[in-house]
Amino acid sequence: MTTNEPDPVVPWFFALGRAETASFVILLGIAMPLKYAAGMPAATAWVGWLHGMLLLLYVIALRSVVRIHRLGLRHAVMGAVLALLPFGPVWLEHRWRRTRRLDSPMPEPEPAYHPGR
């Protein structure tokens, strides 16, 4: 990949953030009321498992995006904290798109050193 090509990880990261947000909203807005108001604990078991897996994938993807784009510790911590809040990943996507945080081209890798060439 050259510096002029967009990073293919970014759209996947943002889509994963939207999916994680949706699972959290479903967990809090539908599954939890079903568990406590309607006596259906199975609702939280499945939705909670799905949300947990999406959250783990999101944090792993966040780490990858932070490393690839060299964003630094402040952005990594902000992304991790926002992952724990409802609509946090959507807000992070909005903020990073608005500031064009991930639009900058990735740095070229350093050429390998080959002695004698």
C-alpha atoms as a PDB file:
ATOM      1  CA  MET A   1       0.000   0.000   0.000  1.00  0.00           C
ATOM      2  CA  THR A   2       1.356   3.418  -0.932  1.00  0.00           C
ATOM      3  CA  THR A   3       0.815   6.630   0.966  1.00  0.00           C
ATOM      4  CA  ASN A   4      -1.817   7.790  -1.558  1.00  0.00           C
ATOM      5  CA  GLU A   5      -4.119   4.824  -0.973  1.00  0.00           C
ATOM      6  CA  PRO A   6      -6.682   5.018   1.845  1.00  0.00           C
ATOM      7  CA  ASP A   7      -6.213   2.702   4.782  1.00  0.00           C
ATOM      8  CA  PRO A   8      -8.643  -0.239   4.392  1.00  0.00           C
ATOM      9  CA  VAL A   9      -8.755  -0.764   8.183  1.00  0.00           C
ATOM     10  CA  VAL A  10     -10.510   2.541   8.914  1.00  0.00           C
ATOM     11  CA  PRO A  11     -13.936   1.729   7.342  1.00  0.00           C
ATOM     12  CA  TRP A  12     -13.946  -1.637   9.126  1.00  0.00           C
ATOM     13  CA  PHE A  13     -13.036   0.041  12.410  1.00  0.00           C
ATOM     14  CA  PHE A  14     -15.865   2.551  12.093  1.00  0.00           C
ATOM     15  CA  ALA A  15     -18.365  -0.173  11.094  1.00  0.00           C
ATOM     16  CA  LEU A  16     -17.286  -2.266  14.063  1.00  0.00           C
ATOM     17  CA  GLY A  17     -17.795   0.765  16.321  1.00  0.00           C
ATOM     18  CA  ARG A  18     -21.330   1.227  14.999  1.00  0.00           C
ATOM     19  CA  ALA A  19     -22.097  -2.476  15.534  1.00  0.00           C
ATOM     20  CA  GLU A  20     -20.710  -2.334  19.076  1.00  0.00           C
ATOM     21  CA  THR A  21     -22.826   0.745  19.785  1.00  0.00           C
ATOM     22  CA  ALA A  22     -25.953  -0.956  18.436  1.00  0.00           C
ATOM     23  CA  SER A  23     -25.332  -4.048  20.574  1.00  0.00           C
ATOM     24  CA  PHE A  24     -24.890  -1.885  23.679  1.00  0.00           C
ATOM     25  CA  VAL A  25     -28.105   0.036  22.990  1.00  0.00           C
ATOM     26  CA  ILE A  26     -29.999  -3.230  22.404  1.00  0.00           C
ATOM     27  CA  LEU A  27     -28.548  -4.665  25.611  1.00  0.00           C
ATOM     28  CA  LEU A  28     -29.510  -1.642  27.699  1.00  0.00           C
ATOM     29  CA  GLY A  29     -32.755  -0.730  25.951  1.00  0.00           C
ATOM     30  CA  ILE A  30     -34.305  -4.092  25.130  1.00  0.00           C
ATOM     31  CA  ALA A  31     -32.561  -7.053  26.779  1.00  0.00           C
ATOM     32  CA  MET A  32     -32.210  -5.596  30.277  1.00  0.00           C
ATOM     33  CA  PRO A  33     -35.870  -4.501  30.493  1.00  0.00           C
ATOM     34  CA  LEU A  34     -36.908  -7.944  29.233  1.00  0.00           C
ATOM     35  CA  LYS A  35     -34.798  -9.574  31.928  1.00  0.00           C
ATOM     36  CA  TYR A  36     -36.042  -7.493  34.846  1.00  0.00           C
ATOM     37  CA  ALA A  37     -39.547  -6.430  33.790  1.00  0.00           C
ATOM     38  CA  ALA A  38     -40.674  -9.512  31.880  1.00  0.00           C
ATOM     39  CA  GLY A  39     -38.627 -12.160  33.683  1.00  0.00           C
ATOM     40  CA  MET A  40     -36.744 -13.297  30.562  1.00  0.00           C
ATOM     41  CA  PRO A  41     -33.078 -13.712  31.597  1.00  0.00           C
ATOM     42  CA  ALA A  42     -32.164 -15.449  28.332  1.00  0.00           C
ATOM     43  CA  ALA A  43     -32.404 -12.114  26.514  1.00  0.00           C
ATOM     44  CA  THR A  44     -29.381 -10.705  28.324  1.00  0.00           C
ATOM     45  CA  ALA A  45     -27.407 -13.923  27.956  1.00  0.00           C
ATOM     46  CA  TRP A  46     -27.305 -13.813  24.152  1.00  0.00           C
ATOM     47  CA  VAL A  47     -27.171 -10.064  23.669  1.00  0.00           C
ATOM     48  CA  GLY A  48     -24.620  -9.702  26.474  1.00  0.00           C
ATOM     49  CA  TRP A  49     -22.379 -12.333  24.891  1.00  0.00           C
ATOM     50  CA  LEU A  50     -22.606 -10.636  21.496  1.00  0.00           C
ATOM     51  CA  HIS A  51     -21.908  -7.221  22.997  1.00  0.00           C
ATOM     52  CA  GLY A  52     -18.908  -8.569  24.900  1.00  0.00           C
ATOM     53  CA  MET A  53     -17.389 -10.085  21.764  1.00  0.00           C
ATOM     54  CA  LEU A  54     -17.962  -6.890  19.774  1.00  0.00           C
ATOM     55  CA  LEU A  55     -16.425  -4.810  22.561  1.00  0.00           C
ATOM     56  CA  LEU A  56     -13.298  -6.982  22.619  1.00  0.00           C
ATOM     57  CA  LEU A  57     -12.989  -6.828  18.829  1.00  0.00           C
ATOM     58  CA  TYR A  58     -13.459  -3.059  18.935  1.00  0.00           C
ATOM     59  CA  VAL A  59     -10.692  -2.568  21.501  1.00  0.00           C
ATOM     60  CA  ILE A  60      -8.341  -4.784  19.466  1.00  0.00           C
ATOM     61  CA  ALA A  61      -9.198  -2.823  16.310  1.00  0.00           C
ATOM     62  CA  LEU A  62      -8.714   0.450  18.188  1.00  0.00           C
ATOM     63  CA  ARG A  63      -5.229  -0.659  19.189  1.00  0.00           C
ATOM     64  CA  SER A  64      -4.432  -1.514  15.575  1.00  0.00           C
ATOM     65  CA  VAL A  65      -5.710   1.812  14.245  1.00  0.00           C
ATOM     66  CA  VAL A  66      -3.806   3.750  16.907  1.00  0.00           C
ATOM     67  CA  ARG A  67      -0.587   1.912  16.048  1.00  0.00           C
ATOM     68  CA  ILE A  68      -1.002   2.128  12.265  1.00  0.00           C
ATOM     69  CA  HIS A  69      -1.779   5.851  12.314  1.00  0.00           C
ATOM     70  CA  ARG A  70       0.573   6.641  15.221  1.00  0.00           C
ATOM     71  CA  LEU A  71      -2.095   8.483  17.175  1.00  0.00           C
ATOM     72  CA  GLY A  72      -0.518   8.272  20.600  1.00  0.00           C
ATOM     73  CA  LEU A  73      -1.572   7.306  24.088  1.00  0.00           C
ATOM     74  CA  ARG A  74      -4.101  10.137  24.533  1.00  0.00           C
ATOM     75  CA  HIS A  75      -6.181   8.985  21.561  1.00  0.00           C
ATOM     76  CA  ALA A  76      -5.897   5.338  22.599  1.00  0.00           C
ATOM     77  CA  VAL A  77      -7.162   6.084  26.104  1.00  0.00           C
ATOM     78  CA  MET A  78      -9.938   8.323  24.777  1.00  0.00           C
ATOM     79  CA  GLY A  79     -11.076   5.559  22.408  1.00  0.00           C
ATOM     80  CA  ALA A  80     -10.981   2.920  25.136  1.00  0.00           C
ATOM     81  CA  VAL A  81     -12.984   5.058  27.573  1.00  0.00           C
ATOM     82  CA  LEU A  82     -15.534   5.957  24.908  1.00  0.00           C
ATOM     83  CA  ALA A  83     -15.939   2.253  24.061  1.00  0.00           C
ATOM     84  CA  LEU A  84     -17.446   1.802  27.532  1.00  0.00           C
ATOM     85  CA  LEU A  85     -20.097   4.503  27.054  1.00  0.00           C
ATOM     86  CA  PRO A  86     -23.337   4.265  25.085  1.00  0.00           C
ATOM     87  CA  PHE A  87     -22.786   5.930  21.692  1.00  0.00           C
ATOM     88  CA  GLY A  88     -19.109   6.449  22.556  1.00  0.00           C
ATOM     89  CA  PRO A  89     -17.701   4.769  19.428  1.00  0.00           C
ATOM     90  CA  VAL A  90     -20.142   6.732  17.240  1.00  0.00           C
ATOM     91  CA  TRP A  91     -19.042   9.982  18.863  1.00  0.00           C
ATOM     92  CA  LEU A  92     -15.381   8.975  18.397  1.00  0.00           C
ATOM     93  CA  GLU A  93     -16.036   8.249  14.716  1.00  0.00           C
ATOM     94  CA  HIS A  94     -17.737  11.624  14.318  1.00  0.00           C
ATOM     95  CA  ARG A  95     -14.873  13.431  16.015  1.00  0.00           C
ATOM     96  CA  TRP A  96     -12.116  11.639  14.077  1.00  0.00           C
ATOM     97  CA  ARG A  97     -13.934  12.152  10.763  1.00  0.00           C
ATOM     98  CA  ARG A  98     -14.518  15.840  11.525  1.00  0.00           C
ATOM     99  CA  THR A  99     -10.869  16.443  12.434  1.00  0.00           C
ATOM    100  CA  ARG A 100      -9.699  14.122   9.628  1.00  0.00           C
ATOM    101  CA  ARG A 101      -7.597  12.304  12.213  1.00  0.00           C
ATOM    102  CA  LEU A 102      -7.304   9.099  10.163  1.00  0.00           C
ATOM    103  CA  ASP A 103      -7.195  10.687   6.693  1.00  0.00           C
ATOM    104  CA  SER A 104      -3.496  11.445   6.767  1.00  0.00           C
ATOM    105  CA  PRO A 105      -1.459   9.033   4.702  1.00  0.00           C
ATOM    106  CA  MET A 106       0.351   6.380   6.617  1.00  0.00           C
ATOM    107  CA  PRO A 107       4.121   6.830   6.782  1.00  0.00           C
ATOM    108  CA  GLU A 108       6.198   4.822   4.344  1.00  0.00           C
ATOM    109  CA  PRO A 109       7.969   1.898   5.984  1.00  0.00           C
ATOM    110  CA  GLU A 110      11.697   2.298   6.410  1.00  0.00           C
ATOM    111  CA  PRO A 111      13.640   0.403   3.764  1.00  0.00           C
ATOM    112  CA  ALA A 112      15.474  -2.630   5.048  1.00  0.00           C
ATOM    113  CA  TYR A 113      19.185  -2.223   5.532  1.00  0.00           C
ATOM    114  CA  HIS A 114      21.178  -4.455   3.231  1.00  0.00           C
ATOM    115  CA  PRO A 115      24.911  -4.183   3.825  1.00  0.00           C
ATOM    116  CA  GLY A 116      26.999  -4.466   0.694  1.00  0.00           C
ATOM    117  CA  ARG A 117      24.365  -3.131  -1.722  1.00  0.00           C
END
